[in-house]
C-alpha atoms as a PDB file:
ATOM      1  CA  MET A   1       7.706 -20.563  64.924  1.00  0.00           C
ATOM      2  CA  ILE A   2      11.318 -21.275  65.974  1.00  0.00           C
ATOM      3  CA  TRP A   3      10.471 -20.867  69.672  1.00  0.00           C
ATOM      4  CA  GLU A   4       7.481 -23.182  69.309  1.00  0.00           C
ATOM      5  CA  ASN A   5       9.703 -25.902  67.856  1.00  0.00           C
ATOM      6  CA  GLU A   6      12.320 -25.396  70.563  1.00  0.00           C
ATOM      7  CA  GLU A   7       9.639 -25.581  73.263  1.00  0.00           C
ATOM      8  CA  LYS A   8       8.312 -28.813  71.708  1.00  0.00           C
ATOM      9  CA  ASP A   9      11.831 -30.286  71.581  1.00  0.00           C
ATOM     10  CA  ILE A  10      12.400 -29.418  75.236  1.00  0.00           C
ATOM     11  CA  SER A  11       9.094 -30.973  76.329  1.00  0.00           C
ATOM     12  CA  GLU A  12       9.933 -34.144  74.418  1.00  0.00           C
ATOM     13  CA  PHE A  13      13.360 -34.181  76.091  1.00  0.00           C
ATOM     14  CA  TYR A  14      11.839 -34.072  79.585  1.00  0.00           C
ATOM     15  CA  LYS A  15       9.212 -36.616  78.614  1.00  0.00           C
ATOM     16  CA  GLU A  16      11.938 -39.035  77.504  1.00  0.00           C
ATOM     17  CA  LYS A  17      13.648 -38.514  80.884  1.00  0.00           C
ATOM     18  CA  THR A  18      10.487 -39.370  82.872  1.00  0.00           C
ATOM     19  CA  LYS A  19      10.984 -42.205  85.358  1.00  0.00           C
ATOM     20  CA  TRP A  20       7.973 -44.348  84.799  1.00  0.00           C
ATOM     21  CA  ASP A  21       6.221 -46.539  87.340  1.00  0.00           C
ATOM     22  CA  TYR A  22       2.907 -48.402  87.333  1.00  0.00           C
ATOM     23  CA  LYS A  23       0.845 -45.403  88.478  1.00  0.00           C
ATOM     24  CA  SER A  24       2.344 -42.887  86.029  1.00  0.00           C
ATOM     25  CA  VAL A  25       2.204 -45.296  83.075  1.00  0.00           C
ATOM     26  CA  LYS A  26      -1.438 -46.139  83.867  1.00  0.00           C
ATOM     27  CA  ALA A  27      -2.279 -42.422  84.028  1.00  0.00           C
ATOM     28  CA  GLU A  28      -0.467 -41.806  80.738  1.00  0.00           C
ATOM     29  CA  ALA A  29      -2.227 -44.694  79.013  1.00  0.00           C
ATOM     30  CA  LEU A  30      -5.660 -43.395  80.082  1.00  0.00           C
ATOM     31  CA  LYS A  31      -5.081 -40.336  77.892  1.00  0.00           C
ATOM     32  CA  TYR A  32      -5.387 -42.483  74.743  1.00  0.00           C
ATOM     33  CA  ASN A  33      -8.257 -44.425  73.195  1.00  0.00           C
ATOM     34  CA  ASP A  34      -6.210 -46.691  70.932  1.00  0.00           C
ATOM     35  CA  LYS A  35      -2.891 -48.498  71.054  1.00  0.00           C
ATOM     36  CA  THR A  36      -1.535 -46.940  67.864  1.00  0.00           C
ATOM     37  CA  THR A  37      -1.684 -43.401  69.256  1.00  0.00           C
ATOM     38  CA  PHE A  38      -0.388 -44.504  72.659  1.00  0.00           C
ATOM     39  CA  ASN A  39       2.555 -46.347  71.104  1.00  0.00           C
ATOM     40  CA  LYS A  40       3.407 -43.346  68.958  1.00  0.00           C
ATOM     41  CA  LYS A  41       2.996 -40.496  71.462  1.00  0.00           C
ATOM     42  CA  ALA A  42       4.054 -42.221  74.683  1.00  0.00           C
ATOM     43  CA  ARG A  43       6.778 -44.515  73.448  1.00  0.00           C
ATOM     44  CA  THR A  44       8.768 -44.729  76.690  1.00  0.00           C
ATOM     45  CA  ALA A  45       5.622 -45.447  78.729  1.00  0.00           C
ATOM     46  CA  GLN A  46       4.709 -48.167  76.245  1.00  0.00           C
ATOM     47  CA  GLN A  47       8.195 -49.669  76.482  1.00  0.00           C
ATOM     48  CA  TRP A  48       8.030 -49.647  80.292  1.00  0.00           C
ATOM     49  CA  ALA A  49       4.666 -51.475  80.195  1.00  0.00           C
ATOM     50  CA  ILE A  50       6.007 -54.107  77.784  1.00  0.00           C
ATOM     51  CA  LYS A  51       9.224 -54.587  79.762  1.00  0.00           C
ATOM     52  CA  ASN A  52       7.251 -55.156  82.959  1.00  0.00           C
ATOM     53  CA  GLY A  53       4.655 -57.429  81.358  1.00  0.00           C
ATOM     54  CA  LEU A  54       1.830 -54.942  81.946  1.00  0.00           C
ATOM     55  CA  TYR A  55       1.092 -53.753  78.411  1.00  0.00           C
ATOM     56  CA  GLU A  56      -2.206 -55.638  77.973  1.00  0.00           C
ATOM     57  CA  GLU A  57      -3.448 -54.540  81.390  1.00  0.00           C
ATOM     58  CA  ILE A  58      -2.432 -50.910  80.857  1.00  0.00           C
ATOM     59  CA  THR A  59      -4.157 -50.779  77.456  1.00  0.00           C
ATOM     60  CA  SER A  60      -7.229 -52.871  78.343  1.00  0.00           C
ATOM     61  CA  HIS A  61      -9.530 -49.812  78.118  1.00  0.00           C
ATOM     62  CA  MET A  62      -8.424 -49.024  74.554  1.00  0.00           C
ATOM     63  CA  PHE A  63     -10.421 -49.728  71.427  1.00  0.00           C
ATOM     64  CA  LYS A  64      -9.769 -53.157  69.901  1.00  0.00           C
ATOM     65  CA  PRO A  65     -10.505 -53.461  66.164  1.00  0.00           C
ATOM     66  CA  LYS A  66     -12.800 -56.374  65.388  1.00  0.00           C
ATOM     67  CA  ARG A  67     -11.262 -59.267  63.503  1.00  0.00           C
ATOM     68  CA  TRP A  68     -13.443 -59.921  60.498  1.00  0.00           C
ATOM     69  CA  ASP A  69     -13.855 -63.247  58.737  1.00  0.00           C
ATOM     70  CA  TYR A  70     -16.102 -64.687  56.027  1.00  0.00           C
ATOM     71  CA  GLU A  71     -19.198 -65.289  58.181  1.00  0.00           C
ATOM     72  CA  SER A  72     -19.067 -62.080  60.243  1.00  0.00           C
ATOM     73  CA  THR A  73     -18.477 -59.913  57.164  1.00  0.00           C
ATOM     74  CA  LYS A  74     -21.294 -61.574  55.237  1.00  0.00           C
ATOM     75  CA  LYS A  75     -23.660 -61.047  58.170  1.00  0.00           C
ATOM     76  CA  GLU A  76     -22.558 -57.419  58.516  1.00  0.00           C
ATOM     77  CA  ALA A  77     -23.056 -56.704  54.799  1.00  0.00           C
ATOM     78  CA  LEU A  78     -26.690 -57.869  54.997  1.00  0.00           C
ATOM     79  CA  LYS A  79     -27.473 -54.899  57.260  1.00  0.00           C
ATOM     80  CA  TYR A  80     -26.976 -52.421  54.437  1.00  0.00           C
ATOM     81  CA  ASN A  81     -28.813 -51.598  51.213  1.00  0.00           C
ATOM     82  CA  SER A  82     -25.945 -49.989  49.307  1.00  0.00           C
ATOM     83  CA  LYS A  83     -22.157 -50.289  49.032  1.00  0.00           C
ATOM     84  CA  LYS A  84     -21.752 -46.654  50.048  1.00  0.00           C
ATOM     85  CA  GLU A  85     -23.782 -47.142  53.218  1.00  0.00           C
ATOM     86  CA  PHE A  86     -21.836 -50.314  54.033  1.00  0.00           C
ATOM     87  CA  LYS A  87     -18.458 -48.654  53.558  1.00  0.00           C
ATOM     88  CA  GLU A  88     -19.378 -45.574  55.614  1.00  0.00           C
ATOM     89  CA  ASN A  89     -20.813 -47.497  58.557  1.00  0.00           C
ATOM     90  CA  SER A  90     -18.641 -50.618  58.684  1.00  0.00           C
ATOM     91  CA  LYS A  91     -15.213 -49.799  57.295  1.00  0.00           C
ATOM     92  CA  GLY A  92     -13.483 -52.843  58.774  1.00  0.00           C
ATOM     93  CA  ALA A  93     -15.929 -55.335  57.267  1.00  0.00           C
ATOM     94  CA  SER A  94     -15.967 -53.444  53.983  1.00  0.00           C
ATOM     95  CA  ASN A  95     -12.157 -53.555  53.771  1.00  0.00           C
ATOM     96  CA  TRP A  96     -12.114 -57.304  54.528  1.00  0.00           C
ATOM     97  CA  MET A  97     -14.626 -57.882  51.739  1.00  0.00           C
ATOM     98  CA  TYR A  98     -12.569 -55.959  49.154  1.00  0.00           C
ATOM     99  CA  GLN A  99      -9.275 -57.528  50.234  1.00  0.00           C
ATOM    100  CA  HIS A 100     -10.714 -61.039  49.885  1.00  0.00           C
ATOM    101  CA  ASN A 101     -12.530 -60.396  46.583  1.00  0.00           C
ATOM    102  CA  LYS A 102     -15.993 -61.049  48.013  1.00  0.00           C
ATOM    103  CA  THR A 103     -17.624 -57.832  46.798  1.00  0.00           C
ATOM    104  CA  GLU A 104     -19.881 -59.406  44.209  1.00  0.00           C
ATOM    105  CA  GLU A 105     -21.006 -62.173  46.556  1.00  0.00           C
ATOM    106  CA  PHE A 106     -21.659 -60.006  49.625  1.00  0.00           C
ATOM    107  CA  THR A 107     -23.289 -57.035  47.883  1.00  0.00           C
ATOM    108  CA  LYS A 108     -25.600 -58.739  45.381  1.00  0.00           C
ATOM    109  CA  HIS A 109     -28.621 -57.828  47.560  1.00  0.00           C
ATOM    110  CA  MET A 110     -27.653 -54.151  47.521  1.00  0.00           C
ATOM    111  CA  THR A 111     -29.143 -51.537  45.226  1.00  0.00           C
ATOM    112  CA  PRO A 112     -26.612 -50.014  42.779  1.00  0.00           C
ATOM    113  CA  ALA A 113     -25.902 -46.383  43.654  1.00  0.00           C
ATOM    114  CA  TYR A 114     -27.045 -45.095  40.266  1.00  0.00           C
ATOM    115  CA  LYS A 115     -30.513 -46.582  40.774  1.00  0.00           C
ATOM    116  CA  ASN A 116     -31.011 -44.515  43.914  1.00  0.00           C
ATOM    117  CA  LEU A 117     -30.759 -41.260  41.959  1.00  0.00           C
ATOM    118  CA  LYS A 118     -33.693 -39.773  40.104  1.00  0.00           C
ATOM    119  CA  TRP A 119     -32.184 -38.253  36.988  1.00  0.00           C
ATOM    120  CA  THR A 120     -33.890 -35.591  34.893  1.00  0.00           C
ATOM    121  CA  PRO A 121     -32.732 -33.917  31.654  1.00  0.00           C
ATOM    122  CA  GLU A 122     -31.730 -30.882  33.732  1.00  0.00           C
ATOM    123  CA  SER A 123     -29.639 -32.846  36.252  1.00  0.00           C
ATOM    124  CA  ILE A 124     -28.117 -34.914  33.430  1.00  0.00           C
ATOM    125  CA  GLU A 125     -26.938 -31.765  31.651  1.00  0.00           C
ATOM    126  CA  LEU A 126     -25.396 -30.444  34.883  1.00  0.00           C
ATOM    127  CA  GLU A 127     -23.594 -33.770  35.384  1.00  0.00           C
ATOM    128  CA  ILE A 128     -22.336 -33.904  31.793  1.00  0.00           C
ATOM    129  CA  ALA A 129     -20.903 -30.389  32.105  1.00  0.00           C
ATOM    130  CA  LYS A 130     -18.472 -31.630  34.775  1.00  0.00           C
ATOM    131  CA  TYR A 131     -16.549 -33.858  32.363  1.00  0.00           C
ATOM    132  CA  LYS A 132     -14.501 -33.321  29.218  1.00  0.00           C
ATOM    133  CA  THR A 133     -14.244 -36.896  27.973  1.00  0.00           C
ATOM    134  CA  LYS A 134     -16.535 -39.918  27.795  1.00  0.00           C
ATOM    135  CA  LYS A 135     -13.973 -42.009  29.689  1.00  0.00           C
ATOM    136  CA  GLU A 136     -13.975 -39.552  32.584  1.00  0.00           C
ATOM    137  CA  PHE A 137     -17.790 -39.402  32.520  1.00  0.00           C
ATOM    138  CA  LEU A 138     -18.088 -43.203  32.653  1.00  0.00           C
ATOM    139  CA  ALA A 139     -15.627 -43.484  35.529  1.00  0.00           C
ATOM    140  CA  ASN A 140     -17.371 -40.913  37.716  1.00  0.00           C
ATOM    141  CA  ALA A 141     -21.032 -40.840  36.672  1.00  0.00           C
ATOM    142  CA  ARG A 142     -22.052 -44.338  35.630  1.00  0.00           C
ATOM    143  CA  GLY A 143     -25.597 -43.750  36.886  1.00  0.00           C
ATOM    144  CA  ALA A 144     -26.072 -40.777  34.599  1.00  0.00           C
ATOM    145  CA  TYR A 145     -24.647 -42.766  31.694  1.00  0.00           C
ATOM    146  CA  HIS A 146     -27.116 -45.617  32.281  1.00  0.00           C
ATOM    147  CA  TRP A 147     -29.957 -43.082  32.348  1.00  0.00           C
ATOM    148  CA  ILE A 148     -28.821 -41.633  28.998  1.00  0.00           C
ATOM    149  CA  ILE A 149     -28.773 -45.088  27.383  1.00  0.00           C
ATOM    150  CA  LYS A 150     -32.090 -46.194  28.878  1.00  0.00           C
ATOM    151  CA  ASN A 151     -33.905 -43.007  27.849  1.00  0.00           C
ATOM    152  CA  LYS A 152     -32.021 -42.578  24.539  1.00  0.00           C
ATOM    153  CA  TYR A 153     -31.179 -39.065  25.611  1.00  0.00           C
ATOM    154  CA  PRO A 154     -29.123 -37.138  23.035  1.00  0.00           C
ATOM    155  CA  SER A 155     -25.832 -35.875  24.448  1.00  0.00           C
ATOM    156  CA  LYS A 156     -22.148 -35.702  23.586  1.00  0.00           C
ATOM    157  CA  PHE A 157     -21.682 -38.922  25.572  1.00  0.00           C
ATOM    158  CA  SER A 158     -24.546 -40.838  23.982  1.00  0.00           C
ATOM    159  CA  VAL A 159     -23.800 -44.190  22.404  1.00  0.00           C
ATOM    160  CA  LYS A 160     -23.297 -43.624  18.702  1.00  0.00           C
ATOM    161  CA  LYS A 161     -24.320 -46.198  16.177  1.00  0.00           C
ATOM    162  CA  ARG A 162     -21.465 -47.474  14.040  1.00  0.00           C
ATOM    163  CA  LYS A 163     -21.657 -46.516  10.437  1.00  0.00           C
ATOM    164  CA  LYS A 164     -21.925 -49.395   8.007  1.00  0.00           C
ATOM    165  CA  TRP A 165     -19.250 -48.863   5.387  1.00  0.00           C
ATOM    166  CA  ASP A 166     -19.394 -50.100   1.786  1.00  0.00           C
ATOM    167  CA  TYR A 167     -17.331 -49.499  -1.342  1.00  0.00           C
ATOM    168  CA  GLU A 168     -18.895 -46.151  -2.279  1.00  0.00           C
ATOM    169  CA  SER A 169     -18.945 -44.628   1.225  1.00  0.00           C
ATOM    170  CA  ALA A 170     -15.377 -45.776   1.965  1.00  0.00           C
ATOM    171  CA  LYS A 171     -14.147 -44.372  -1.368  1.00  0.00           C
ATOM    172  CA  LYS A 172     -15.855 -41.035  -0.698  1.00  0.00           C
ATOM    173  CA  GLU A 173     -14.400 -40.922   2.810  1.00  0.00           C
ATOM    174  CA  ALA A 174     -10.878 -41.730   1.619  1.00  0.00           C
ATOM    175  CA  LEU A 175     -10.930 -38.824  -0.844  1.00  0.00           C
ATOM    176  CA  LYS A 176     -11.094 -36.404   2.095  1.00  0.00           C
ATOM    177  CA  TYR A 177      -7.521 -37.198   3.136  1.00  0.00           C
ATOM    178  CA  LYS A 178      -4.119 -36.562   1.588  1.00  0.00           C
ATOM    179  CA  THR A 179      -2.101 -39.139   3.553  1.00  0.00           C
ATOM    180  CA  LYS A 180      -2.729 -42.674   4.813  1.00  0.00           C
ATOM    181  CA  LYS A 181      -1.722 -41.643   8.314  1.00  0.00           C
ATOM    182  CA  GLU A 182      -4.303 -38.863   8.362  1.00  0.00           C
ATOM    183  CA  PHE A 183      -6.943 -41.226   6.968  1.00  0.00           C
ATOM    184  CA  LEU A 184      -6.231 -43.902   9.581  1.00  0.00           C
ATOM    185  CA  SER A 185      -6.233 -41.401  12.467  1.00  0.00           C
ATOM    186  CA  ASN A 186      -9.503 -39.702  11.543  1.00  0.00           C
ATOM    187  CA  SER A 187     -11.597 -42.442   9.975  1.00  0.00           C
ATOM    188  CA  ILE A 188     -10.854 -45.796  11.565  1.00  0.00           C
ATOM    189  CA  GLY A 189     -14.087 -47.399  10.375  1.00  0.00           C
ATOM    190  CA  ALA A 190     -13.559 -46.590   6.699  1.00  0.00           C
ATOM    191  CA  SER A 191      -9.844 -47.465   6.764  1.00  0.00           C
ATOM    192  CA  ASN A 192     -10.606 -50.807   8.428  1.00  0.00           C
ATOM    193  CA  TRP A 193     -13.197 -51.577   5.732  1.00  0.00           C
ATOM    194  CA  ILE A 194     -10.644 -50.816   3.019  1.00  0.00           C
ATOM    195  CA  TYR A 195      -7.962 -53.057   4.548  1.00  0.00           C
ATOM    196  CA  ARG A 196     -10.366 -55.915   5.212  1.00  0.00           C
ATOM    197  CA  ASN A 197     -11.711 -55.802   1.660  1.00  0.00           C
ATOM    198  CA  LYS A 198      -8.247 -55.422   0.083  1.00  0.00           C
ATOM    199  CA  LYS A 199      -9.016 -52.053  -1.493  1.00  0.00           C
ATOM    200  CA  THR A 200      -6.047 -50.209  -0.059  1.00  0.00           C
ATOM    201  CA  ALA A 201      -4.115 -49.803  -3.301  1.00  0.00           C
ATOM    202  CA  GLU A 202      -7.183 -48.672  -5.223  1.00  0.00           C
ATOM    203  CA  LEU A 203      -8.745 -46.254  -2.714  1.00  0.00           C
ATOM    204  CA  THR A 204      -5.560 -44.692  -1.305  1.00  0.00           C
ATOM    205  CA  LYS A 205      -3.555 -44.254  -4.514  1.00  0.00           C
ATOM    206  CA  HIS A 206      -4.043 -40.464  -4.364  1.00  0.00           C
ATOM    207  CA  MET A 207      -2.502 -40.369  -0.874  1.00  0.00           C
ATOM    208  CA  LYS A 208       1.120 -39.913   0.070  1.00  0.00           C
END
């Protein structure tokens, strides 16, 4: 490994000492397909080309990134049916769209990714098993979550109906806890009902 590094250092040393001319710089430039790589790996050749006013000519064969604007990006987006397809096939236009906050406008004709998947109870269970929390599930599997809601599928991430608290149910719930802190942490709905209805003193008097 040491010898490899030394050999690399020596080759770089000789490369730096190269006396460039038009022919050698042109030959060096033809090894690269883009300016970024050329500028990084053949710095002295690049500097020679710039110094002699030949940089654009020397790099004329290299790839030139397209400059996107509102109209060209909008036109490009219309070629695709999904955001994923757009991003994979036209990264430059996709980046312009995100940077200029035009996502909603340019992708409204596209089909949401979750609608392209055909979920079944079996595939839903496999998807659910990947996540520990509902927050994580929502962030990474929104399509599966929409399917669960639409089909009222029972799962640990299903939408739970809020319990409607009243005096008797809140009183019964409060009796389960020994401290107000414990009550508040474990039964937010009941504790909120108590505070809103000014029953705190009455229903938490047994607590510490």
